[in-house]
Protein backbone atom coordinates (compact mmCIF):
# COMPACT_ATOMS: atom_id res chain seq x y z
CA MET A 1 -12.56 7.69 18.04
CA LEU A 2 -12.89 8.90 14.46
CA THR A 3 -11.75 6.61 11.70
CA ARG A 4 -8.90 7.87 9.54
CA TYR A 5 -8.18 6.75 6.00
CA VAL A 6 -5.01 6.62 3.96
CA LYS A 7 -4.71 7.20 0.22
CA GLY A 8 -1.81 5.76 -1.69
CA TYR A 9 -0.49 2.56 -3.16
CA LYS A 10 -0.68 -0.87 -1.56
CA ILE A 11 2.42 -3.05 -1.58
CA ASP A 12 0.88 -6.23 -2.98
CA ARG A 13 2.34 -9.29 -1.24
CA GLN A 14 1.24 -11.63 -4.05
CA LYS A 15 2.93 -9.49 -6.69
CA VAL A 16 6.10 -9.40 -4.58
CA ALA A 17 5.89 -13.19 -4.09
CA ASP A 18 5.57 -13.70 -7.83
CA LEU A 19 8.47 -11.34 -8.51
CA VAL A 20 10.85 -13.07 -6.09
CA GLU A 21 9.52 -16.52 -7.02
CA ALA A 22 8.55 -17.32 -3.44
CA ALA A 23 6.58 -20.43 -2.58
CA ASN A 24 3.70 -18.34 -1.15
CA ARG A 25 2.79 -14.88 0.18
CA LYS A 26 3.95 -15.77 3.71
CA ASP A 27 7.45 -16.84 2.65
CA PRO A 28 10.18 -14.79 4.43
CA LEU A 29 11.57 -14.01 0.97
CA VAL A 30 8.47 -11.85 0.41
CA ASP A 31 9.31 -9.75 3.48
CA ALA A 32 12.83 -9.27 2.14
CA GLY A 33 11.37 -8.28 -1.23
CA ILE A 34 9.11 -5.71 0.43
CA ARG A 35 12.08 -4.19 2.24
CA SER A 36 13.87 -3.95 -1.09
CA VAL A 37 10.86 -2.25 -2.71
CA VAL A 38 10.62 0.34 0.07
CA ALA A 39 14.37 0.99 -0.06
CA ARG A 40 14.08 1.81 -3.77
CA LEU A 41 11.32 4.39 -3.28
CA ASN A 42 12.28 8.06 -3.11
CA ARG A 43 11.75 8.76 0.60
CA SER A 44 10.66 12.35 -0.05
CA ALA A 45 7.90 11.12 -2.40
CA TYR A 46 5.55 9.76 0.30
CA MET A 47 4.44 10.52 3.86
CA ASN A 48 5.24 7.12 5.36
CA ILE A 49 4.57 3.42 4.99
CA ALA A 50 1.22 3.00 6.72
CA THR A 51 -0.80 -0.03 7.73
CA GLY A 52 -4.31 -0.16 6.32
CA TYR A 53 -7.15 -2.64 6.44
CA GLU A 54 -8.04 -4.60 3.33
CA PRO A 55 -11.80 -4.84 2.67
CA PRO A 56 -13.32 -7.64 4.80
CA THR A 57 -13.52 -11.12 3.31
CA PRO A 58 -16.98 -12.70 2.87
CA GLU A 59 -16.38 -14.38 6.26
CA GLY A 60 -15.71 -10.98 7.84
CA ALA A 61 -11.97 -11.42 8.33
CA ARG A 62 -9.89 -8.25 8.11
CA HIS A 63 -6.33 -8.37 6.83
CA LEU A 64 -3.68 -5.67 6.96
CA ALA A 65 -1.76 -4.22 4.05
CA LEU A 66 1.27 -1.95 3.79
CA ILE A 67 0.41 1.33 2.07
CA VAL A 68 2.78 3.87 0.52
CA ALA A 69 0.87 6.78 2.08
CA LEU A 70 0.41 9.95 0.05
CA ASP A 71 -2.48 11.48 1.99
CA VAL A 72 -4.48 10.85 5.16
CA GLY A 73 -7.90 12.13 6.19
CA TYR A 74 -11.19 11.44 7.95
CA ASP A 75 -13.48 11.59 4.90
CA GLN A 76 -13.10 8.42 2.82
CA GLU A 77 -15.09 9.71 -0.18
CA GLN A 78 -13.24 13.02 -0.23
CA LEU A 79 -9.92 11.17 -0.23
CA LYS A 80 -11.07 8.91 -3.08
CA GLU A 81 -11.96 11.93 -5.19
CA LYS A 82 -8.86 13.96 -4.30
CA LYS A 83 -6.23 14.20 -7.03
CA LEU A 84 -2.75 13.20 -5.94
CA GLY A 85 -0.87 15.40 -8.37
CA ASP A 86 2.41 14.28 -9.90
CA ILE A 87 3.52 10.88 -8.64
CA ASP A 88 7.25 10.36 -8.15
CA GLU A 89 9.00 8.26 -10.78
CA SER A 90 10.18 5.74 -8.16
CA ILE A 91 6.56 4.96 -7.27
CA MET A 92 5.54 4.86 -10.93
CA ALA A 93 8.40 2.45 -11.68
CA ALA A 94 7.23 0.07 -8.93
CA LEU A 95 3.53 0.42 -9.74
CA PRO A 96 3.09 -2.22 -12.42
CA HIS A 97 5.29 -4.75 -10.63
CA VAL A 98 4.50 -4.62 -6.91
CA LEU A 99 2.08 -1.78 -6.16
CA VAL A 100 -1.71 -1.49 -6.51
CA GLY A 101 -3.60 1.77 -6.57
CA PRO A 102 -4.09 4.53 -5.98
CA ASP A 103 -6.89 3.71 -3.59
CA VAL A 104 -8.10 4.45 -0.06
CA TRP A 105 -7.84 2.12 2.94
CA GLU A 106 -8.98 2.41 6.54
CA LEU A 107 -5.92 3.30 8.58
CA CYS A 108 -4.92 0.84 11.29
CA GLU A 109 -3.93 2.89 14.34
C-alpha cells in the first residue's frame, strides 16, 4: 500500500493544554478544548480533520496528531513545496494559539 501524506496545520495538544490551563496534555479538558477549536474553524476552509503520525521519538515511538487537512498526496516532498494559497481567517486566527504549521505528516489510514 502506498503511503499518503497530509499537508495542513497540527492541532497542538500542549498549546491547547496551556490555553485551557489543564494539568497536562492528557487531561479531558484538552479534548474539550480541541472540540472548541474545531467548532470555531470555517468548515469550508479545510478538507477534513485528519490523523497524522508525528515524527518518531528517539526510541522509535510513533504518536498521532490531529491535522486540519488542506491537501493530501503521495509525494511528501511535492506536498512540502506546494503553496497552499490563501488561508482562511479562522485558521489564521487559531494559528498562533493552538495550531502548528503548515507542515506535512504521514497520514494514518
